[in-house]
Protein backbone atom coordinates (compact mmCIF):
# COMPACT_ATOMS: atom_id res chain seq x y z
CA MET A 1 -2.01 71.62 -75.69
CA GLN A 2 -0.05 72.08 -72.49
CA VAL A 3 -0.25 73.42 -68.96
CA SER A 4 0.70 77.10 -68.97
CA ALA A 5 -0.03 77.95 -65.31
CA LEU A 6 -0.55 76.21 -61.97
CA ASN A 7 -1.95 78.08 -58.96
CA ILE A 8 -2.84 77.32 -55.39
CA TYR A 9 -4.79 79.50 -53.00
CA PRO A 10 -3.68 78.39 -49.53
CA PHE A 11 -5.99 80.94 -47.88
CA LYS A 12 -9.47 80.94 -49.40
CA SER A 13 -10.18 84.20 -51.27
CA ALA A 14 -6.66 85.54 -50.66
CA ARG A 15 -3.97 85.90 -53.30
CA ALA A 16 -2.89 83.09 -55.60
CA ILE A 17 0.54 81.51 -55.45
CA ALA A 18 1.88 80.50 -58.86
CA ILE A 19 3.85 77.26 -58.67
CA PRO A 20 6.00 75.33 -61.18
CA GLU A 21 4.64 71.93 -60.16
CA ALA A 22 1.94 70.51 -57.94
CA MET A 23 1.19 67.31 -56.10
CA ILE A 24 -2.39 66.15 -56.63
CA ASP A 25 -4.46 63.97 -54.35
CA ALA A 26 -8.19 63.27 -54.09
CA ARG A 27 -8.79 66.77 -52.65
CA GLY A 28 -7.04 68.56 -55.52
CA LEU A 29 -3.74 70.47 -55.46
CA MET A 30 -1.96 69.93 -52.18
CA GLY A 31 -1.99 73.09 -50.08
CA ASP A 32 -4.99 74.58 -51.88
CA ARG A 33 -7.76 76.27 -49.82
CA ARG A 34 -6.63 74.93 -46.46
CA MET A 35 -7.34 78.17 -44.53
CA MET A 36 -10.44 80.33 -44.43
CA LEU A 37 -11.91 83.32 -42.63
CA VAL A 38 -15.26 82.96 -40.89
CA ASP A 39 -17.44 85.34 -38.91
CA ALA A 40 -18.35 84.91 -35.25
CA SER A 41 -21.13 82.49 -36.16
CA GLY A 42 -18.79 80.36 -38.28
CA HIS A 43 -20.10 81.45 -41.68
CA PHE A 44 -17.40 81.62 -44.35
CA ILE A 45 -16.09 84.97 -45.62
CA THR A 46 -14.77 85.65 -49.11
CA GLN A 47 -13.88 88.61 -51.32
CA ARG A 48 -17.57 88.86 -52.20
CA GLU A 49 -18.22 90.61 -48.88
CA LEU A 50 -14.61 91.43 -47.90
CA PRO A 51 -12.72 92.63 -51.01
CA ALA A 52 -9.63 93.43 -48.90
CA LEU A 53 -8.87 89.69 -48.80
CA ALA A 54 -7.32 90.25 -52.24
CA ARG A 55 -4.51 92.11 -50.46
CA LEU A 56 -3.53 89.13 -48.29
CA THR A 57 -0.89 86.52 -49.12
CA ALA A 58 -0.40 83.27 -47.19
CA LEU A 59 3.02 81.64 -47.48
CA PRO A 60 4.28 78.41 -45.88
CA HIS A 61 7.36 79.15 -43.78
CA SER A 62 9.29 76.56 -41.73
CA GLY A 63 6.18 74.77 -40.52
CA TYR A 64 4.31 78.02 -39.91
CA ILE A 65 2.17 80.18 -42.16
CA ARG A 66 3.35 83.71 -42.90
CA LEU A 67 0.41 86.05 -43.50
CA VAL A 68 1.33 89.28 -45.29
CA MET A 69 -0.83 92.27 -46.21
CA ASP A 70 0.20 94.45 -49.13
CA ASP A 71 0.91 97.37 -46.79
CA GLY A 72 3.65 95.42 -45.01
CA ARG A 73 1.72 94.14 -42.00
CA GLU A 74 2.51 90.52 -41.35
CA MET A 75 2.45 87.78 -38.77
CA MET A 76 3.51 84.19 -38.34
CA VAL A 77 0.72 81.71 -37.61
CA ALA A 78 1.49 78.43 -35.88
CA PRO A 79 -0.23 75.21 -36.94
CA PRO A 80 -3.56 74.90 -35.13
CA HIS A 81 -4.01 72.69 -32.11
CA PRO A 82 -6.11 69.74 -33.33
CA ASP A 83 -8.32 69.89 -30.22
CA LYS A 84 -9.34 73.54 -30.70
CA ARG A 85 -12.16 73.25 -33.22
CA MET A 86 -15.37 74.85 -34.40
CA ASP A 87 -18.13 74.01 -36.86
CA VAL A 88 -18.08 76.31 -39.87
CA ALA A 89 -20.48 76.75 -42.77
CA ILE A 90 -19.33 76.98 -46.38
CA TRP A 91 -22.28 77.08 -48.76
CA LYS A 92 -24.40 74.04 -47.82
CA SER A 93 -21.58 72.22 -46.02
CA ILE A 94 -20.84 72.16 -42.30
CA VAL A 95 -17.20 71.40 -41.58
CA ASN A 96 -15.60 70.72 -38.22
CA ALA A 97 -12.44 72.77 -38.68
CA ALA A 98 -9.38 73.47 -36.54
CA ALA A 99 -9.40 77.00 -35.11
CA ALA A 100 -6.52 79.44 -34.85
CA ASP A 101 -5.32 80.97 -31.59
CA ASP A 102 -7.38 83.87 -30.25
CA THR A 103 -4.45 86.26 -30.68
CA VAL A 104 -4.38 85.47 -34.41
CA ASP A 105 -8.10 86.17 -34.68
CA ALA A 106 -7.65 89.47 -32.85
CA LYS A 107 -4.92 90.63 -35.23
CA LEU A 108 -6.85 89.58 -38.34
CA SER A 109 -9.94 91.36 -36.98
CA ASP A 110 -7.86 94.51 -36.61
CA TRP A 111 -6.47 94.15 -40.14
CA PHE A 112 -9.90 93.78 -41.73
CA GLY A 113 -11.88 96.07 -39.45
CA ARG A 114 -14.44 93.45 -38.44
CA ASP A 115 -14.62 90.41 -36.18
CA VAL A 116 -13.21 87.38 -37.97
CA LYS A 117 -11.80 83.98 -37.08
CA LEU A 118 -9.23 81.88 -38.91
CA VAL A 119 -9.92 78.18 -39.42
CA PHE A 120 -7.95 75.33 -40.97
CA PHE A 121 -8.91 72.31 -43.01
CA ASP A 122 -6.71 69.82 -41.17
CA SER A 123 -6.62 66.03 -41.05
CA GLY A 124 -9.61 66.04 -38.72
CA ALA A 125 -11.84 67.97 -41.15
CA SER A 126 -13.95 66.37 -43.86
CA ARG A 127 -16.22 67.58 -46.65
CA THR A 128 -17.48 66.12 -49.91
CA ALA A 129 -18.35 67.66 -53.26
CA SER A 130 -21.84 67.34 -54.72
CA ALA A 131 -22.49 63.68 -55.47
CA GLU A 132 -24.77 64.72 -58.33
CA TRP A 133 -21.81 66.09 -60.27
CA ALA A 134 -18.65 64.61 -58.73
CA GLY A 135 -19.90 61.16 -57.78
CA PRO A 136 -20.12 59.68 -54.28
CA ASP A 137 -17.61 60.44 -51.53
CA SER A 138 -15.53 62.91 -53.53
CA PRO A 139 -13.47 64.84 -50.94
CA VAL A 140 -12.93 68.59 -51.14
CA THR A 141 -11.47 71.24 -48.82
CA PHE A 142 -12.56 74.90 -48.56
CA ALA A 143 -12.94 75.40 -52.32
CA ASP A 144 -16.38 76.70 -53.31
CA GLY A 145 -17.51 73.28 -54.43
CA TYR A 146 -15.00 71.12 -56.28
CA GLN A 147 -11.36 70.10 -56.17
CA ILE A 148 -9.83 71.84 -59.19
CA LEU A 149 -10.80 74.63 -61.60
CA VAL A 150 -9.52 74.38 -65.18
CA THR A 151 -9.53 77.30 -67.63
CA THR A 152 -7.99 77.85 -71.07
CA THR A 153 -6.02 80.65 -72.68
CA ALA A 154 -8.12 80.61 -75.86
CA SER A 155 -11.33 81.18 -73.94
CA LEU A 156 -9.86 84.12 -72.06
CA ALA A 157 -8.66 85.58 -75.36
CA ALA A 158 -12.17 85.23 -76.82
CA LEU A 159 -13.73 86.87 -73.78
CA ASN A 160 -11.25 89.76 -73.92
CA ALA A 161 -11.84 90.20 -77.66
CA ASP A 162 -15.56 90.67 -76.99
CA MET A 163 -14.85 93.06 -74.13
CA GLN A 164 -12.52 95.15 -76.28
CA ALA A 165 -15.05 95.19 -79.15
CA HIS A 166 -17.50 96.77 -76.71
CA GLY A 167 -14.99 99.22 -75.25
CA GLU A 168 -14.83 97.37 -71.93
CA GLY A 169 -11.08 96.81 -71.67
CA SER A 170 -9.67 93.40 -70.81
CA VAL A 171 -8.93 91.22 -67.79
CA GLY A 172 -6.28 88.73 -66.75
CA MET A 173 -6.78 85.07 -66.00
CA ASP A 174 -6.33 85.84 -62.30
CA ARG A 175 -9.90 87.18 -62.20
CA PHE A 176 -11.14 83.60 -62.57
CA ARG A 177 -8.85 82.05 -59.94
CA PRO A 178 -8.04 78.80 -61.79
CA ASN A 179 -5.80 76.02 -60.51
CA ILE A 180 -4.80 74.72 -63.93
CA VAL A 181 -4.58 76.86 -67.08
CA VAL A 182 -4.40 75.01 -70.39
CA ASP A 183 -2.77 76.72 -73.35
CA CYS A 184 -4.92 75.94 -76.38
CA ASP A 185 -6.09 77.53 -79.63
CA GLU A 186 -9.85 76.85 -79.68
CA PRO A 187 -12.10 79.06 -77.51
CA TRP A 188 -14.59 77.19 -75.34
CA ALA A 189 -13.27 73.78 -76.40
CA GLU A 190 -13.38 72.81 -72.74
CA ASP A 191 -17.20 72.76 -72.89
CA ARG A 192 -16.87 69.49 -74.81
CA TRP A 193 -14.09 67.95 -72.75
CA SER A 194 -15.37 65.20 -70.50
CA VAL A 195 -12.09 63.52 -69.57
CA ILE A 196 -8.56 64.87 -70.02
CA GLN A 197 -5.10 63.56 -69.31
CA ILE A 198 -2.34 65.83 -68.05
CA GLY A 199 1.03 64.14 -67.85
CA ASP A 200 0.26 60.78 -66.27
CA MET A 201 -2.92 61.90 -64.51
CA VAL A 202 -6.55 61.70 -65.62
CA PHE A 203 -9.22 64.26 -64.71
CA ASP A 204 -13.00 64.45 -65.12
CA LEU A 205 -14.49 67.83 -66.04
CA VAL A 206 -17.76 67.51 -64.15
CA LYS A 207 -19.51 70.89 -64.03
CA PRO A 208 -19.07 74.34 -65.58
CA CYS A 209 -18.25 77.12 -63.15
CA PRO A 210 -20.84 79.90 -62.71
CA ARG A 211 -19.19 83.25 -62.10
CA CYS A 212 -19.93 85.95 -59.55
CA ILE A 213 -18.91 89.46 -58.51
CA MET A 214 -15.38 88.32 -57.65
CA THR A 215 -14.54 88.35 -61.37
CA THR A 216 -15.08 92.13 -61.28
CA GLN A 217 -12.45 92.65 -58.57
CA ASP A 218 -8.78 93.42 -59.09
CA GLN A 219 -7.02 90.42 -57.57
CA ALA A 220 -4.20 92.54 -56.16
CA THR A 221 -6.27 95.30 -54.54
CA GLY A 222 -9.88 94.10 -54.33
CA SER A 223 -11.02 97.19 -56.24
CA ARG A 224 -14.13 96.92 -58.42
CA GLU A 225 -13.31 100.07 -60.38
CA GLY A 226 -11.50 98.41 -63.31
CA ALA A 227 -12.56 96.31 -66.29
CA ASN A 228 -15.65 94.18 -65.68
CA PRO A 229 -16.00 90.86 -67.57
CA MET A 230 -19.59 90.21 -66.46
CA PRO A 231 -21.32 91.97 -69.40
CA ALA A 232 -19.21 90.01 -71.91
CA MET A 233 -19.87 86.74 -70.10
CA GLY A 234 -23.55 87.63 -70.20
CA ARG A 235 -23.37 88.07 -73.96
CA LEU A 236 -21.26 84.97 -74.65
CA ARG A 237 -21.64 82.54 -71.77
CA MET A 238 -25.10 82.71 -70.20
CA SER A 239 -26.12 79.17 -69.32
CA ALA A 240 -29.40 77.86 -70.68
CA ASP A 241 -29.31 74.85 -68.34
CA ARG A 242 -31.29 75.57 -65.17
CA ARG A 243 -29.11 73.20 -63.17
CA VAL A 244 -26.21 75.68 -63.49
CA PRO A 245 -27.62 79.16 -64.05
CA GLY A 246 -25.69 82.34 -64.77
CA PRO A 247 -22.55 83.21 -66.76
CA LEU A 248 -20.00 80.40 -67.03
CA PHE A 249 -16.22 80.40 -67.32
CA GLY A 250 -13.97 77.40 -66.59
CA TRP A 251 -14.80 73.86 -65.52
CA ASN A 252 -14.84 72.23 -62.13
CA THR A 253 -12.67 69.16 -62.30
CA VAL A 254 -12.14 66.01 -60.24
CA PRO A 255 -8.82 64.11 -60.27
CA ARG A 256 -8.59 60.37 -60.63
CA GLY A 257 -5.94 59.11 -58.24
CA GLU A 258 -2.78 60.89 -57.16
CA GLY A 259 0.23 62.25 -58.96
CA ARG A 260 2.28 65.27 -59.92
CA LEU A 261 1.74 68.00 -62.51
CA LYS A 262 4.22 70.52 -63.81
CA LEU A 263 4.26 73.47 -66.15
CA GLY A 264 4.56 72.35 -69.75
CA ASP A 265 2.85 69.00 -69.23
CA THR A 266 0.96 67.82 -72.30
CA VAL A 267 -2.84 67.94 -72.11
CA SER A 268 -4.82 65.38 -74.10
CA VAL A 269 -8.59 64.95 -74.45
CA LEU A 270 -9.62 61.35 -73.69
CA ASP A 271 -13.39 61.69 -73.95
CA VAL A 272 -15.86 64.37 -75.01
CA ARG A 273 -19.46 65.38 -74.35
CA GLU A 274 -20.78 65.61 -77.90
CA ASP A 275 -23.35 68.30 -77.15
CA GLY A 276 -21.04 70.46 -75.06
CA TRP A 277 -23.10 72.81 -72.90
CA THR A 278 -26.23 74.77 -73.79
CA PHE A 279 -26.07 78.55 -73.77
CA LYS A 280 -28.67 81.23 -74.31
CA ALA A 281 -28.68 82.98 -77.67
CA ARG A 282 -26.24 85.89 -77.84
CA LYS A 283 -27.89 89.24 -77.36
């Protein structure tokens, strides 16, 4: 098995950036989910309620961030002033984040047709993943809950085969917004992986990822009019474990230490969970 894709999402819920290699630290892939939109009260905003975020790309550019919409609108955003901060809410976490300049907020509000603010996960921000699953003091940025999401090509192929058998079309891996994609031959093998090694780095697969409406959205346009993987995930991947309800695809993963990954790195399984994960009987 080997790494077939690496992705970062510098701006939470905006477009992915495919990269040939990645530096990894305790928070995951460097540069991943370091920016986020919030509303006036500081509550986080994603494609779930603002599908147009799928049309936005954030690109590092000479110390600045270049924000580009798919219709050509763009602006350069300077690094935030560390003293301009606000408390923001992402799921159950409250994070003291650096805030963008008011002129940036005004332009983004115009782009998206609602009042929004841009915040940054800078060196002054802190947040930890669930200790129940990731262990104590496991740092994470603006990702939904954990540092890294791992998916596999065989599992996507199996999901698409079920969709096509039911006349539902097919979807790309981008619908699931993974950081690391592993090329393998056995569908759902990752349910048994407990510890893997990629290159010289070791990772713990700590919790399966429950999926939501974002998997139904085209990741270039935000449209929900195309193929929908939710029915197939309901048939194949409905969790029977009440701790993690709903349809599952991919595994939340925590790195051990720091290092570098690159496309083509060998993936080895170091330890397994013998019982895998429990799913409801297929309907």
